Amino acid sequence: MKKVPLKYLKDNFAALTAAAAQGELIGVTKYHKPYIVIAPASENQASSLKPRHPNSLQPVLKKSLKNNVALRYLLEGREDRF
C-alpha cells in the first residue's frame, strides 16, 4: 500500500485515483496519522454507480416554470431538454 499525505492527494488526485482503479491501495494520512484508504471498486460497487433507468432523472420544477417570467427567459431555446 502506498501512503501519501492529504496535501499530496489534493495535488495529484487524478494520478492517485487512476492507480487505485488499477488495483493499488492508497493510504492517505492527515497530520501523520492514517486518515482514509482509497481502493478500487468491486463489481457490486461499480454497478451501483450506473443509472438504473436512462430517464430516471426528471426535472422537478417543470410545471412551476410556466408562470415565472425570469425562469421562462432562462428556458428560452431549451424546451427540447424538458
C-alpha atoms as a PDB file:
ATOM      1  CA  MET A   1       0.000   0.000   0.000  1.00  0.00           C
ATOM      2  CA  LYS A   2       1.285   3.393  -0.993  1.00  0.00           C
ATOM      3  CA  LYS A   3       0.999   6.034   1.767  1.00  0.00           C
ATOM      4  CA  VAL A   4       0.641   9.713   0.925  1.00  0.00           C
ATOM      5  CA  PRO A   5      -0.260  12.849   2.899  1.00  0.00           C
ATOM      6  CA  LEU A   6      -3.618  14.523   2.285  1.00  0.00           C
ATOM      7  CA  LYS A   7      -1.925  17.512   0.617  1.00  0.00           C
ATOM      8  CA  TYR A   8      -0.310  15.176  -1.931  1.00  0.00           C
ATOM      9  CA  LEU A   9      -3.707  13.599  -2.624  1.00  0.00           C
ATOM     10  CA  LYS A  10      -5.186  17.033  -3.308  1.00  0.00           C
ATOM     11  CA  ASP A  11      -2.355  17.930  -5.684  1.00  0.00           C
ATOM     12  CA  ASN A  12      -2.249  14.563  -7.502  1.00  0.00           C
ATOM     13  CA  PHE A  13      -5.836  13.347  -7.284  1.00  0.00           C
ATOM     14  CA  ALA A  14      -6.139  12.145 -10.895  1.00  0.00           C
ATOM     15  CA  ALA A  15      -2.935  10.106 -10.817  1.00  0.00           C
ATOM     16  CA  LEU A  16      -3.727   8.520  -7.454  1.00  0.00           C
ATOM     17  CA  THR A  17      -7.286   7.594  -8.382  1.00  0.00           C
ATOM     18  CA  ALA A  18      -6.017   6.104 -11.654  1.00  0.00           C
ATOM     19  CA  ALA A  19      -3.550   3.990  -9.669  1.00  0.00           C
ATOM     20  CA  ALA A  20      -6.351   2.890  -7.339  1.00  0.00           C
ATOM     21  CA  ALA A  21      -8.508   1.957 -10.317  1.00  0.00           C
ATOM     22  CA  GLN A  22      -5.667  -0.309 -11.485  1.00  0.00           C
ATOM     23  CA  GLY A  23      -5.785  -2.162  -8.159  1.00  0.00           C
ATOM     24  CA  GLU A  24      -3.329  -0.266  -5.963  1.00  0.00           C
ATOM     25  CA  LEU A  25      -4.350   0.646  -2.424  1.00  0.00           C
ATOM     26  CA  ILE A  26      -3.605   4.249  -1.466  1.00  0.00           C
ATOM     27  CA  GLY A  27      -3.354   5.094   2.232  1.00  0.00           C
ATOM     28  CA  VAL A  28      -3.883   8.779   2.968  1.00  0.00           C
ATOM     29  CA  THR A  29      -2.552  10.358   6.146  1.00  0.00           C
ATOM     30  CA  LYS A  30      -3.607  13.541   7.904  1.00  0.00           C
ATOM     31  CA  TYR A  31      -1.215  15.021  10.448  1.00  0.00           C
ATOM     32  CA  HIS A  32       0.919  11.856  10.073  1.00  0.00           C
ATOM     33  CA  LYS A  33      -1.968   9.608  11.180  1.00  0.00           C
ATOM     34  CA  PRO A  34      -3.973   7.209   8.976  1.00  0.00           C
ATOM     35  CA  TYR A  35      -6.993   9.053   7.568  1.00  0.00           C
ATOM     36  CA  ILE A  36      -8.560   7.140   4.649  1.00  0.00           C
ATOM     37  CA  VAL A  37      -7.765   4.330   2.228  1.00  0.00           C
ATOM     38  CA  ILE A  38      -8.567   4.626  -1.467  1.00  0.00           C
ATOM     39  CA  ALA A  39      -9.220   1.237  -3.048  1.00  0.00           C
ATOM     40  CA  PRO A  40     -10.593   0.018  -6.375  1.00  0.00           C
ATOM     41  CA  ALA A  41     -14.341  -0.521  -6.512  1.00  0.00           C
ATOM     42  CA  SER A  42     -15.653  -4.069  -6.537  1.00  0.00           C
ATOM     43  CA  GLU A  43     -18.066  -5.192  -9.262  1.00  0.00           C
ATOM     44  CA  ASN A  44     -21.036  -4.699  -6.889  1.00  0.00           C
ATOM     45  CA  GLN A  45     -19.950  -1.178  -6.018  1.00  0.00           C
ATOM     46  CA  ALA A  46     -19.278  -0.260  -9.642  1.00  0.00           C
ATOM     47  CA  SER A  47     -22.694  -1.493 -10.768  1.00  0.00           C
ATOM     48  CA  SER A  48     -24.394   0.684  -8.142  1.00  0.00           C
ATOM     49  CA  LEU A  49     -22.885   3.772  -9.805  1.00  0.00           C
ATOM     50  CA  LYS A  50     -24.680   3.121 -13.097  1.00  0.00           C
ATOM     51  CA  PRO A  51     -28.066   4.812 -13.596  1.00  0.00           C
ATOM     52  CA  ARG A  52     -30.899   2.370 -13.054  1.00  0.00           C
ATOM     53  CA  HIS A  53     -33.018   3.833 -15.833  1.00  0.00           C
ATOM     54  CA  PRO A  54     -31.885   6.193 -18.610  1.00  0.00           C
ATOM     55  CA  ASN A  55     -34.716   8.639 -17.843  1.00  0.00           C
ATOM     56  CA  SER A  56     -34.577   8.291 -14.069  1.00  0.00           C
ATOM     57  CA  LEU A  57     -33.787  11.987 -13.525  1.00  0.00           C
ATOM     58  CA  GLN A  58     -36.787  14.187 -14.178  1.00  0.00           C
ATOM     59  CA  PRO A  59     -36.981  17.980 -13.808  1.00  0.00           C
ATOM     60  CA  VAL A  60     -38.645  18.923 -10.549  1.00  0.00           C
ATOM     61  CA  LEU A  61     -39.721  22.462 -11.440  1.00  0.00           C
ATOM     62  CA  LYS A  62     -41.091  21.893 -14.949  1.00  0.00           C
ATOM     63  CA  LYS A  63     -44.700  22.770 -14.099  1.00  0.00           C
ATOM     64  CA  SER A  64     -43.881  25.809 -11.940  1.00  0.00           C
ATOM     65  CA  LEU A  65     -41.655  27.367 -14.623  1.00  0.00           C
ATOM     66  CA  LYS A  66     -44.561  28.219 -16.921  1.00  0.00           C
ATOM     67  CA  ASN A  67     -45.692  31.301 -14.952  1.00  0.00           C
ATOM     68  CA  ASN A  68     -42.320  32.694 -13.894  1.00  0.00           C
ATOM     69  CA  VAL A  69     -41.002  35.322 -16.344  1.00  0.00           C
ATOM     70  CA  ALA A  70     -37.327  35.129 -15.259  1.00  0.00           C
ATOM     71  CA  LEU A  71     -37.262  31.358 -15.431  1.00  0.00           C
ATOM     72  CA  ARG A  72     -39.129  31.395 -18.759  1.00  0.00           C
ATOM     73  CA  TYR A  73     -36.365  33.623 -20.113  1.00  0.00           C
ATOM     74  CA  LEU A  74     -33.726  31.136 -18.918  1.00  0.00           C
ATOM     75  CA  LEU A  75     -35.610  28.300 -20.598  1.00  0.00           C
ATOM     76  CA  GLU A  76     -35.744  30.049 -23.964  1.00  0.00           C
ATOM     77  CA  GLY A  77     -34.359  27.736 -26.619  1.00  0.00           C
ATOM     78  CA  ARG A  78     -34.127  24.816 -24.196  1.00  0.00           C
ATOM     79  CA  GLU A  79     -37.649  23.398 -24.497  1.00  0.00           C
ATOM     80  CA  ASP A  80     -36.327  20.234 -26.082  1.00  0.00           C
ATOM     81  CA  ARG A  81     -34.391  19.417 -22.901  1.00  0.00           C
ATOM     82  CA  PHE A  82     -37.507  19.158 -20.758  1.00  0.00           C
END
